[in-house]
Amino acid sequence: MVLSQDSAEAIALQALSYLVGQPDALQRFTALTGLAGDDIRRLANDAAFLAGVLDYYLGNEAELLAMCNEVGLAPDLPLQARRVLSGAMLE
């Protein structure tokens, strides 16, 4: 299945929404990225930023699975969405 850009962005926004609701994870994300809350709100519709949110989860399987379980995503969808957001072709 090839995701559309809109579908990929929707998946990333679900991940971002979940991240914002997880204080410990959000603190790690802001520490890693150097972004503040205002930056996150400003960048929420930026494909590169959304890809970075997915990268955060793809770098930690336990958090990825917890997020997917909570928002109702198949665990393979964040990687597919990440590829679409970065412009990589899916096979």
Foldseek 3Di string as FASTA:
>chain_A
DADDLVRLLVVLLLLVVVQVVDVVSVVVLCVVVVDDPVRCVVCSNPLVVSLVSLVSCVVPVVSLVVSCVVSVHDSCSSVSSSCVSVVHDDD
